[in-house]
N, C-alpha and C. Protein backbone atom coordinates (compact mmCIF):
# COMPACT_ATOMS: atom_id res chain seq x y z
N UNK A 1 -77.01 -41.22 38.24
CA UNK A 1 -76.82 -39.79 38.28
C UNK A 1 -75.38 -39.46 38.68
N UNK A 2 -74.88 -40.19 39.67
CA UNK A 2 -73.52 -39.96 40.15
C UNK A 2 -72.51 -40.30 39.06
N UNK A 3 -72.78 -41.33 38.27
CA UNK A 3 -71.87 -41.72 37.20
C UNK A 3 -71.80 -40.64 36.12
N UNK A 4 -72.92 -40.02 35.83
CA UNK A 4 -72.96 -38.97 34.82
C UNK A 4 -72.11 -37.78 35.28
N UNK A 5 -72.26 -37.40 36.53
CA UNK A 5 -71.49 -36.27 37.07
C UNK A 5 -70.01 -36.61 37.04
N UNK A 6 -69.65 -37.81 37.45
CA UNK A 6 -68.24 -38.22 37.43
C UNK A 6 -67.67 -38.20 36.01
N UNK A 7 -68.47 -38.64 35.04
CA UNK A 7 -68.03 -38.66 33.65
C UNK A 7 -67.77 -37.24 33.15
N UNK A 8 -68.67 -36.32 33.46
CA UNK A 8 -68.51 -34.93 33.03
C UNK A 8 -67.30 -34.30 33.70
N UNK A 9 -67.14 -34.52 34.99
CA UNK A 9 -66.00 -33.98 35.72
C UNK A 9 -64.70 -34.53 35.15
N UNK A 10 -64.67 -35.81 34.83
CA UNK A 10 -63.47 -36.42 34.27
C UNK A 10 -63.11 -35.79 32.92
N UNK A 11 -64.11 -35.55 32.08
CA UNK A 11 -63.86 -34.94 30.78
C UNK A 11 -63.35 -33.50 30.93
N UNK A 12 -63.97 -32.76 31.82
CA UNK A 12 -63.54 -31.37 32.03
C UNK A 12 -62.12 -31.33 32.58
N UNK A 13 -61.82 -32.18 33.53
CA UNK A 13 -60.47 -32.20 34.11
C UNK A 13 -59.44 -32.60 33.05
N UNK A 14 -59.81 -33.54 32.19
CA UNK A 14 -58.91 -33.96 31.12
C UNK A 14 -58.59 -32.78 30.21
N UNK A 15 -59.60 -31.99 29.85
CA UNK A 15 -59.38 -30.83 29.00
C UNK A 15 -58.50 -29.78 29.70
N UNK A 16 -58.76 -29.56 30.98
CA UNK A 16 -57.98 -28.57 31.73
C UNK A 16 -56.52 -28.98 31.79
N UNK A 17 -56.27 -30.24 32.08
CA UNK A 17 -54.89 -30.72 32.18
C UNK A 17 -54.21 -30.63 30.82
N UNK A 18 -54.93 -31.00 29.77
CA UNK A 18 -54.34 -30.96 28.42
C UNK A 18 -53.99 -29.52 28.03
N UNK A 19 -54.86 -28.58 28.34
CA UNK A 19 -54.58 -27.18 28.03
C UNK A 19 -53.39 -26.67 28.85
N UNK A 20 -53.32 -27.07 30.11
CA UNK A 20 -52.20 -26.65 30.95
C UNK A 20 -50.88 -27.19 30.45
N UNK A 21 -50.87 -28.44 30.04
CA UNK A 21 -49.64 -29.04 29.51
C UNK A 21 -49.23 -28.34 28.22
N UNK A 22 -50.19 -28.06 27.36
CA UNK A 22 -49.90 -27.37 26.10
C UNK A 22 -49.34 -25.98 26.38
N UNK A 23 -49.94 -25.27 27.33
CA UNK A 23 -49.46 -23.93 27.66
C UNK A 23 -48.04 -24.00 28.23
N UNK A 24 -47.76 -25.00 29.04
CA UNK A 24 -46.42 -25.16 29.60
C UNK A 24 -45.38 -25.41 28.53
N UNK A 25 -45.71 -26.28 27.57
CA UNK A 25 -44.77 -26.55 26.49
C UNK A 25 -44.57 -25.31 25.61
N UNK A 26 -45.63 -24.56 25.37
CA UNK A 26 -45.51 -23.33 24.59
C UNK A 26 -44.58 -22.35 25.30
N UNK A 27 -44.75 -22.21 26.61
CA UNK A 27 -43.92 -21.29 27.38
C UNK A 27 -42.46 -21.74 27.36
N UNK A 28 -42.23 -23.04 27.49
CA UNK A 28 -40.86 -23.55 27.46
C UNK A 28 -40.24 -23.30 26.09
N UNK A 29 -41.02 -23.43 25.03
CA UNK A 29 -40.50 -23.15 23.69
C UNK A 29 -40.15 -21.69 23.52
N UNK A 30 -40.93 -20.81 24.10
CA UNK A 30 -40.64 -19.39 24.01
C UNK A 30 -39.36 -19.05 24.76
N UNK A 31 -39.10 -19.72 25.87
CA UNK A 31 -37.88 -19.46 26.62
C UNK A 31 -36.66 -19.82 25.79
N UNK A 32 -36.73 -20.92 25.05
CA UNK A 32 -35.62 -21.31 24.19
C UNK A 32 -35.37 -20.30 23.10
N UNK A 33 -36.44 -19.74 22.54
CA UNK A 33 -36.30 -18.74 21.50
C UNK A 33 -35.67 -17.47 22.07
N UNK A 34 -36.04 -17.12 23.29
CA UNK A 34 -35.46 -15.93 23.92
C UNK A 34 -33.97 -16.11 24.15
N UNK A 35 -33.57 -17.30 24.56
CA UNK A 35 -32.15 -17.55 24.78
C UNK A 35 -31.36 -17.40 23.50
N UNK A 36 -31.92 -17.90 22.41
CA UNK A 36 -31.22 -17.77 21.13
C UNK A 36 -31.08 -16.31 20.74
N UNK A 37 -32.10 -15.51 21.02
CA UNK A 37 -32.06 -14.09 20.65
C UNK A 37 -31.05 -13.32 21.50
N UNK A 38 -30.76 -13.80 22.70
CA UNK A 38 -29.85 -13.09 23.60
C UNK A 38 -28.39 -13.42 23.36
N UNK A 39 -28.11 -14.35 22.46
CA UNK A 39 -26.72 -14.72 22.23
C UNK A 39 -25.94 -13.53 21.69
N UNK A 40 -24.74 -13.36 22.20
CA UNK A 40 -23.89 -12.22 21.84
C UNK A 40 -23.06 -12.56 20.61
N UNK A 41 -22.70 -11.57 19.84
CA UNK A 41 -21.79 -11.83 18.70
C UNK A 41 -20.42 -12.27 19.23
N UNK A 42 -19.65 -12.97 18.42
CA UNK A 42 -18.36 -13.50 18.90
C UNK A 42 -17.41 -12.42 19.39
N UNK A 43 -17.48 -11.21 18.83
CA UNK A 43 -16.54 -10.17 19.27
C UNK A 43 -16.92 -9.59 20.63
N UNK A 44 -18.07 -9.96 21.18
CA UNK A 44 -18.48 -9.48 22.50
C UNK A 44 -18.03 -10.43 23.61
N UNK A 45 -17.18 -11.41 23.25
CA UNK A 45 -16.68 -12.37 24.24
C UNK A 45 -15.19 -12.13 24.45
N UNK A 46 -14.74 -12.34 25.71
CA UNK A 46 -13.31 -12.19 25.97
C UNK A 46 -12.59 -13.49 25.61
N UNK A 47 -11.31 -13.60 25.97
CA UNK A 47 -10.50 -14.77 25.60
C UNK A 47 -11.01 -16.06 26.24
N UNK A 48 -11.70 -15.96 27.36
CA UNK A 48 -12.18 -17.14 28.07
C UNK A 48 -13.63 -17.49 27.72
N UNK A 49 -14.24 -16.74 26.81
CA UNK A 49 -15.60 -17.01 26.40
C UNK A 49 -16.67 -16.33 27.25
N UNK A 50 -16.26 -15.46 28.15
CA UNK A 50 -17.20 -14.74 29.00
C UNK A 50 -17.68 -13.49 28.28
N UNK A 51 -18.96 -13.12 28.47
CA UNK A 51 -19.45 -11.90 27.80
C UNK A 51 -18.77 -10.65 28.36
N UNK A 52 -18.47 -9.74 27.48
CA UNK A 52 -17.84 -8.47 27.85
C UNK A 52 -18.95 -7.44 28.01
N UNK A 53 -19.00 -6.81 29.16
CA UNK A 53 -20.01 -5.80 29.42
C UNK A 53 -19.53 -4.44 28.93
N UNK A 54 -20.31 -3.76 28.11
CA UNK A 54 -19.91 -2.41 27.70
C UNK A 54 -19.97 -1.47 28.89
N UNK A 55 -19.09 -0.50 28.92
CA UNK A 55 -19.02 0.45 30.03
C UNK A 55 -20.20 1.41 29.95
N UNK A 56 -20.83 1.64 31.10
CA UNK A 56 -21.96 2.56 31.17
C UNK A 56 -21.46 3.95 31.56
N UNK A 57 -22.12 4.96 31.03
CA UNK A 57 -21.79 6.31 31.43
C UNK A 57 -22.43 6.59 32.79
N UNK A 58 -22.01 7.68 33.42
CA UNK A 58 -22.58 8.02 34.73
C UNK A 58 -24.07 8.25 34.63
N UNK A 59 -24.51 8.87 33.56
CA UNK A 59 -25.94 9.15 33.38
C UNK A 59 -26.74 7.85 33.25
N UNK A 60 -26.22 6.89 32.49
CA UNK A 60 -26.90 5.60 32.35
C UNK A 60 -26.97 4.87 33.68
N UNK A 61 -25.86 4.92 34.44
CA UNK A 61 -25.84 4.27 35.76
C UNK A 61 -26.87 4.90 36.69
N UNK A 62 -26.95 6.24 36.65
CA UNK A 62 -27.90 6.94 37.50
C UNK A 62 -29.33 6.58 37.13
N UNK A 63 -29.62 6.50 35.84
CA UNK A 63 -30.97 6.15 35.40
C UNK A 63 -31.31 4.71 35.78
N UNK A 64 -30.36 3.81 35.64
CA UNK A 64 -30.60 2.41 36.00
C UNK A 64 -30.85 2.29 37.50
N UNK A 65 -30.08 3.03 38.29
CA UNK A 65 -30.26 3.00 39.75
C UNK A 65 -31.64 3.54 40.13
N UNK A 66 -32.06 4.63 39.49
CA UNK A 66 -33.37 5.20 39.78
C UNK A 66 -34.48 4.22 39.38
N UNK A 67 -34.30 3.52 38.29
CA UNK A 67 -35.30 2.55 37.86
C UNK A 67 -35.40 1.41 38.86
N UNK A 68 -34.27 0.93 39.38
CA UNK A 68 -34.29 -0.14 40.40
C UNK A 68 -34.96 0.34 41.67
N UNK A 69 -34.64 1.58 42.08
CA UNK A 69 -35.26 2.13 43.29
C UNK A 69 -36.76 2.28 43.12
N UNK A 70 -37.20 2.74 41.95
CA UNK A 70 -38.64 2.91 41.70
C UNK A 70 -39.34 1.55 41.71
N UNK A 71 -38.72 0.54 41.12
CA UNK A 71 -39.30 -0.80 41.11
C UNK A 71 -39.40 -1.35 42.53
N UNK A 72 -38.35 -1.15 43.33
CA UNK A 72 -38.36 -1.62 44.71
C UNK A 72 -39.46 -0.93 45.51
N UNK A 73 -39.60 0.38 45.30
CA UNK A 73 -40.64 1.13 46.02
C UNK A 73 -42.03 0.66 45.60
N UNK A 74 -42.23 0.39 44.31
CA UNK A 74 -43.53 -0.10 43.84
C UNK A 74 -43.85 -1.46 44.47
N UNK A 75 -42.85 -2.35 44.54
CA UNK A 75 -43.08 -3.66 45.16
C UNK A 75 -43.47 -3.50 46.63
N UNK A 76 -42.78 -2.61 47.34
CA UNK A 76 -43.10 -2.38 48.74
C UNK A 76 -44.51 -1.83 48.91
N UNK A 77 -44.91 -0.92 48.04
CA UNK A 77 -46.26 -0.36 48.12
C UNK A 77 -47.32 -1.42 47.83
N UNK A 78 -47.05 -2.31 46.86
CA UNK A 78 -48.00 -3.37 46.55
C UNK A 78 -48.14 -4.33 47.72
N UNK A 79 -47.03 -4.66 48.38
CA UNK A 79 -47.09 -5.53 49.54
C UNK A 79 -47.92 -4.89 50.65
N UNK A 80 -47.71 -3.59 50.86
CA UNK A 80 -48.47 -2.89 51.90
C UNK A 80 -49.96 -2.88 51.56
N UNK A 81 -50.30 -2.67 50.30
CA UNK A 81 -51.70 -2.66 49.89
C UNK A 81 -52.34 -4.03 50.08
N UNK A 82 -51.58 -5.10 49.76
CA UNK A 82 -52.12 -6.45 49.95
C UNK A 82 -52.38 -6.73 51.42
N UNK A 83 -51.43 -6.27 52.27
CA UNK A 83 -51.62 -6.48 53.71
C UNK A 83 -52.84 -5.75 54.21
N UNK A 84 -53.04 -4.52 53.76
CA UNK A 84 -54.18 -3.72 54.21
C UNK A 84 -55.50 -4.28 53.70
N UNK A 85 -55.49 -4.85 52.50
CA UNK A 85 -56.75 -5.33 51.92
C UNK A 85 -57.17 -6.69 52.48
N UNK A 86 -56.32 -7.34 53.25
CA UNK A 86 -56.68 -8.63 53.83
C UNK A 86 -57.77 -8.47 54.88
N UNK A 87 -57.80 -7.36 55.55
CA UNK A 87 -58.73 -7.21 56.67
C UNK A 87 -59.96 -6.45 56.30
């Protein structure tokens, strides 16, 4: 009886590990594709090969700052909720 249980557990664990490895390789492949998509055109590089950042307007800067502040506030609220739900 014990051998049967061990055999089943071994098969299930083998499947779980195989699926995890496959998922990891898929994710790593997606990261490579994302990097290729983010490459800048040659005219967006300066003389030293560094990417040139386009200048943002004041309105864009303000919106980006508000988005960062909102994200920070959401993270803080989620942390507080997790702390409260522990007890």
